[in-house]
Amino acid sequence: MAIPRGTRFAIEHDGVFPDGAAIVGPVAPDMEHGSKEGKARGKQSKQKTVA
């Protein structure tokens, strides 16, 4: 059985991360892959988006 996209589950944060959660390392945007020709023309890469 498939689960529809965007389905939310009722679960507490502490149930999943009993010891807490933290980001370790730098945070940066996820960029789309740009072509070599586009980069040579000075074209900026776009940030990935969720459709």
PDB file of N, CA and C in Angstrom:
ATOM      1  N   MET A   1       0.845  -1.175   0.000  1.00  0.00           N
ATOM      2  CA  MET A   1       0.000   0.000   0.000  1.00  0.00           C
ATOM      3  C   MET A   1       0.887   1.234   0.000  1.00  0.00           C
ATOM      4  N   ALA A   2       0.586   2.180  -0.846  1.00  0.00           N
ATOM      5  CA  ALA A   2       1.361   3.415  -0.926  1.00  0.00           C
ATOM      6  C   ALA A   2       0.832   4.442   0.067  1.00  0.00           C
ATOM      7  N   ILE A   3       1.722   5.290   0.525  1.00  0.00           N
ATOM      8  CA  ILE A   3       1.348   6.379   1.421  1.00  0.00           C
ATOM      9  C   ILE A   3       1.362   7.661   0.595  1.00  0.00           C
ATOM     10  N   PRO A   4       0.267   8.436   0.619  1.00  0.00           N
ATOM     11  CA  PRO A   4       0.223   9.663  -0.175  1.00  0.00           C
ATOM     12  C   PRO A   4       1.335  10.646   0.233  1.00  0.00           C
ATOM     13  N   ARG A   5       1.853  11.361  -0.765  1.00  0.00           N
ATOM     14  CA  ARG A   5       2.894  12.357  -0.516  1.00  0.00           C
ATOM     15  C   ARG A   5       2.365  13.437   0.418  1.00  0.00           C
ATOM     16  N   GLY A   6       3.192  13.863   1.354  1.00  0.00           N
ATOM     17  CA  GLY A   6       2.805  14.915   2.284  1.00  0.00           C
ATOM     18  C   GLY A   6       2.122  14.387   3.534  1.00  0.00           C
ATOM     19  N   THR A   7       2.022  13.060   3.676  1.00  0.00           N
ATOM     20  CA  THR A   7       1.385  12.478   4.849  1.00  0.00           C
ATOM     21  C   THR A   7       2.218  12.779   6.089  1.00  0.00           C
ATOM     22  N   ARG A   8       1.568  13.188   7.145  1.00  0.00           N
ATOM     23  CA  ARG A   8       2.240  13.489   8.414  1.00  0.00           C
ATOM     24  C   ARG A   8       1.911  12.399   9.424  1.00  0.00           C
ATOM     25  N   PHE A   9       2.868  12.040  10.242  1.00  0.00           N
ATOM     26  CA  PHE A   9       2.680  11.041  11.276  1.00  0.00           C
ATOM     27  C   PHE A   9       2.714  11.725  12.634  1.00  0.00           C
ATOM     28  N   ALA A  10       1.790  11.365  13.490  1.00  0.00           N
ATOM     29  CA  ALA A  10       1.733  11.944  14.833  1.00  0.00           C
ATOM     30  C   ALA A  10       2.752  11.232  15.717  1.00  0.00           C
ATOM     31  N   ILE A  11       3.927  11.837  15.870  1.00  0.00           N
ATOM     32  CA  ILE A  11       4.982  11.278  16.710  1.00  0.00           C
ATOM     33  C   ILE A  11       5.727  12.440  17.361  1.00  0.00           C
ATOM     34  N   GLU A  12       6.084  12.272  18.585  1.00  0.00           N
ATOM     35  CA  GLU A  12       6.794  13.324  19.317  1.00  0.00           C
ATOM     36  C   GLU A  12       8.279  13.335  18.929  1.00  0.00           C
ATOM     37  N   HIS A  13       8.894  14.515  18.978  1.00  0.00           N
ATOM     38  CA  HIS A  13      10.316  14.674  18.676  1.00  0.00           C
ATOM     39  C   HIS A  13      11.169  13.771  19.562  1.00  0.00           C
ATOM     40  N   ASP A  14      10.843  13.705  20.840  1.00  0.00           N
ATOM     41  CA  ASP A  14      11.625  12.896  21.775  1.00  0.00           C
ATOM     42  C   ASP A  14      11.506  11.399  21.492  1.00  0.00           C
ATOM     43  N   GLY A  15      10.452  10.986  20.817  1.00  0.00           N
ATOM     44  CA  GLY A  15      10.309   9.581  20.443  1.00  0.00           C
ATOM     45  C   GLY A  15      11.282   9.173  19.356  1.00  0.00           C
ATOM     46  N   VAL A  16      11.600  10.102  18.477  1.00  0.00           N
ATOM     47  CA  VAL A  16      12.532   9.838  17.379  1.00  0.00           C
ATOM     48  C   VAL A  16      13.969  10.146  17.791  1.00  0.00           C
ATOM     49  N   PHE A  17      14.153  11.262  18.514  1.00  0.00           N
ATOM     50  CA  PHE A  17      15.481  11.707  18.946  1.00  0.00           C
ATOM     51  C   PHE A  17      15.503  11.819  20.470  1.00  0.00           C
ATOM     52  N   PRO A  18      15.602  10.703  21.175  1.00  0.00           N
ATOM     53  CA  PRO A  18      15.559  10.761  22.640  1.00  0.00           C
ATOM     54  C   PRO A  18      16.716  11.566  23.249  1.00  0.00           C
ATOM     55  N   ASP A  19      17.861  11.644  22.552  1.00  0.00           N
ATOM     56  CA  ASP A  19      19.009  12.390  23.058  1.00  0.00           C
ATOM     57  C   ASP A  19      19.116  13.775  22.415  1.00  0.00           C
ATOM     58  N   GLY A  20      18.090  14.191  21.666  1.00  0.00           N
ATOM     59  CA  GLY A  20      18.114  15.473  20.987  1.00  0.00           C
ATOM     60  C   GLY A  20      18.699  15.344  19.593  1.00  0.00           C
ATOM     61  N   ALA A  21      18.699  16.423  18.868  1.00  0.00           N
ATOM     62  CA  ALA A  21      19.238  16.452  17.507  1.00  0.00           C
ATOM     63  C   ALA A  21      20.021  17.743  17.317  1.00  0.00           C
ATOM     64  N   ALA A  22      21.089  17.670  16.550  1.00  0.00           N
ATOM     65  CA  ALA A  22      21.924  18.847  16.301  1.00  0.00           C
ATOM     66  C   ALA A  22      22.518  18.760  14.901  1.00  0.00           C
ATOM     67  N   ILE A  23      22.789  19.914  14.326  1.00  0.00           N
ATOM     68  CA  ILE A  23      23.460  19.975  13.035  1.00  0.00           C
ATOM     69  C   ILE A  23      24.955  20.062  13.308  1.00  0.00           C
ATOM     70  N   VAL A  24      25.706  19.158  12.704  1.00  0.00           N
ATOM     71  CA  VAL A  24      27.158  19.150  12.875  1.00  0.00           C
ATOM     72  C   VAL A  24      27.771  19.491  11.517  1.00  0.00           C
ATOM     73  N   GLY A  25      28.304  20.676  11.395  1.00  0.00           N
ATOM     74  CA  GLY A  25      28.922  21.092  10.151  1.00  0.00           C
ATOM     75  C   GLY A  25      28.189  22.272   9.548  1.00  0.00           C
ATOM     76  N   PRO A  26      28.695  22.780   8.447  1.00  0.00           N
ATOM     77  CA  PRO A  26      28.096  23.959   7.837  1.00  0.00           C
ATOM     78  C   PRO A  26      26.764  23.639   7.141  1.00  0.00           C
ATOM     79  N   VAL A  27      25.913  24.650   7.058  1.00  0.00           N
ATOM     80  CA  VAL A  27      24.639  24.531   6.349  1.00  0.00           C
ATOM     81  C   VAL A  27      24.766  25.332   5.062  1.00  0.00           C
ATOM     82  N   ALA A  28      24.439  24.709   3.924  1.00  0.00           N
ATOM     83  CA  ALA A  28      24.561  25.376   2.631  1.00  0.00           C
ATOM     84  C   ALA A  28      23.382  24.977   1.752  1.00  0.00           C
ATOM     85  N   PRO A  29      22.975  25.833   0.810  1.00  0.00           N
ATOM     86  CA  PRO A  29      21.870  25.483  -0.083  1.00  0.00           C
ATOM     87  C   PRO A  29      22.261  24.348  -1.025  1.00  0.00           C
ATOM     88  N   ASP A  30      21.280  23.543  -1.404  1.00  0.00           N
ATOM     89  CA  ASP A  30      21.483  22.461  -2.364  1.00  0.00           C
ATOM     90  C   ASP A  30      21.246  23.049  -3.747  1.00  0.00           C
ATOM     91  N   MET A  31      22.295  23.123  -4.553  1.00  0.00           N
ATOM     92  CA  MET A  31      22.205  23.775  -5.855  1.00  0.00           C
ATOM     93  C   MET A  31      22.032  22.751  -6.975  1.00  0.00           C
ATOM     94  N   GLU A  32      21.327  23.160  -8.043  1.00  0.00           N
ATOM     95  CA  GLU A  32      21.193  22.322  -9.229  1.00  0.00           C
ATOM     96  C   GLU A  32      22.534  22.282  -9.952  1.00  0.00           C
ATOM     97  N   HIS A  33      22.757  21.228 -10.710  1.00  0.00           N
ATOM     98  CA  HIS A  33      24.004  21.089 -11.459  1.00  0.00           C
ATOM     99  C   HIS A  33      23.980  22.054 -12.640  1.00  0.00           C
ATOM    100  N   GLY A  34      24.983  22.875 -12.750  1.00  0.00           N
ATOM    101  CA  GLY A  34      25.089  23.818 -13.865  1.00  0.00           C
ATOM    102  C   GLY A  34      26.030  23.273 -14.928  1.00  0.00           C
ATOM    103  N   SER A  35      25.780  23.602 -16.178  1.00  0.00           N
ATOM    104  CA  SER A  35      26.636  23.128 -17.263  1.00  0.00           C
ATOM    105  C   SER A  35      27.932  23.936 -17.307  1.00  0.00           C
ATOM    106  N   LYS A  36      28.944  23.360 -17.913  1.00  0.00           N
ATOM    107  CA  LYS A  36      30.227  24.058 -18.054  1.00  0.00           C
ATOM    108  C   LYS A  36      30.066  25.294 -18.927  1.00  0.00           C
ATOM    109  N   GLU A  37      29.202  25.196 -19.959  1.00  0.00           N
ATOM    110  CA  GLU A  37      28.976  26.332 -20.851  1.00  0.00           C
ATOM    111  C   GLU A  37      28.298  27.477 -20.098  1.00  0.00           C
ATOM    112  N   GLY A  38      27.338  27.132 -19.258  1.00  0.00           N
ATOM    113  CA  GLY A  38      26.646  28.150 -18.476  1.00  0.00           C
ATOM    114  C   GLY A  38      27.579  28.848 -17.509  1.00  0.00           C
ATOM    115  N   LYS A  39      28.444  28.070 -16.867  1.00  0.00           N
ATOM    116  CA  LYS A  39      29.411  28.655 -15.934  1.00  0.00           C
ATOM    117  C   LYS A  39      30.399  29.548 -16.675  1.00  0.00           C
ATOM    118  N   ALA A  40      30.789  29.136 -17.897  1.00  0.00           N
ATOM    119  CA  ALA A  40      31.721  29.931 -18.693  1.00  0.00           C
ATOM    120  C   ALA A  40      31.092  31.278 -19.072  1.00  0.00           C
ATOM    121  N   ARG A  41      29.765  31.312 -19.227  1.00  0.00           N
ATOM    122  CA  ARG A  41      29.065  32.554 -19.558  1.00  0.00           C
ATOM    123  C   ARG A  41      28.719  33.353 -18.318  1.00  0.00           C
ATOM    124  N   GLY A  42      29.103  32.849 -17.137  1.00  0.00           N
ATOM    125  CA  GLY A  42      28.835  33.567 -15.894  1.00  0.00           C
ATOM    126  C   GLY A  42      27.437  33.344 -15.355  1.00  0.00           C
ATOM    127  N   LYS A  43      26.770  32.298 -15.824  1.00  0.00           N
ATOM    128  CA  LYS A  43      25.405  32.012 -15.398  1.00  0.00           C
ATOM    129  C   LYS A  43      25.420  31.371 -14.004  1.00  0.00           C
ATOM    130  N   GLN A  44      24.579  31.884 -13.109  1.00  0.00           N
ATOM    131  CA  GLN A  44      24.497  31.364 -11.746  1.00  0.00           C
ATOM    132  C   GLN A  44      23.681  30.075 -11.718  1.00  0.00           C
ATOM    133  N   SER A  45      24.064  29.134 -10.854  1.00  0.00           N
ATOM    134  CA  SER A  45      23.272  27.928 -10.659  1.00  0.00           C
ATOM    135  C   SER A  45      22.055  28.281  -9.831  1.00  0.00           C
ATOM    136  N   LYS A  46      20.936  27.574 -10.071  1.00  0.00           N
ATOM    137  CA  LYS A  46      19.712  27.799  -9.304  1.00  0.00           C
ATOM    138  C   LYS A  46      19.680  26.866  -8.101  1.00  0.00           C
ATOM    139  N   GLN A  47      19.003  27.301  -7.052  1.00  0.00           N
ATOM    140  CA  GLN A  47      18.820  26.460  -5.879  1.00  0.00           C
ATOM    141  C   GLN A  47      17.721  25.443  -6.189  1.00  0.00           C
ATOM    142  N   LYS A  48      17.935  24.177  -5.764  1.00  0.00           N
ATOM    143  CA  LYS A  48      16.939  23.138  -5.997  1.00  0.00           C
ATOM    144  C   LYS A  48      15.667  23.459  -5.219  1.00  0.00           C
ATOM    145  N   THR A  49      14.534  23.105  -5.840  1.00  0.00           N
ATOM    146  CA  THR A  49      13.240  23.276  -5.202  1.00  0.00           C
ATOM    147  C   THR A  49      12.486  21.957  -5.263  1.00  0.00           C
ATOM    148  N   VAL A  50      11.548  21.788  -4.353  1.00  0.00           N
ATOM    149  CA  VAL A  50      10.714  20.587  -4.317  1.00  0.00           C
ATOM    150  C   VAL A  50       9.437  20.890  -5.076  1.00  0.00           C
ATOM    151  N   ALA A  51       9.124  20.036  -6.018  1.00  0.00           N
ATOM    152  CA  ALA A  51       7.915  20.263  -6.849  1.00  0.00           C
ATOM    153  C   ALA A  51       6.687  19.726  -6.172  1.00  0.00           C
TER     154      ALA A  51
END
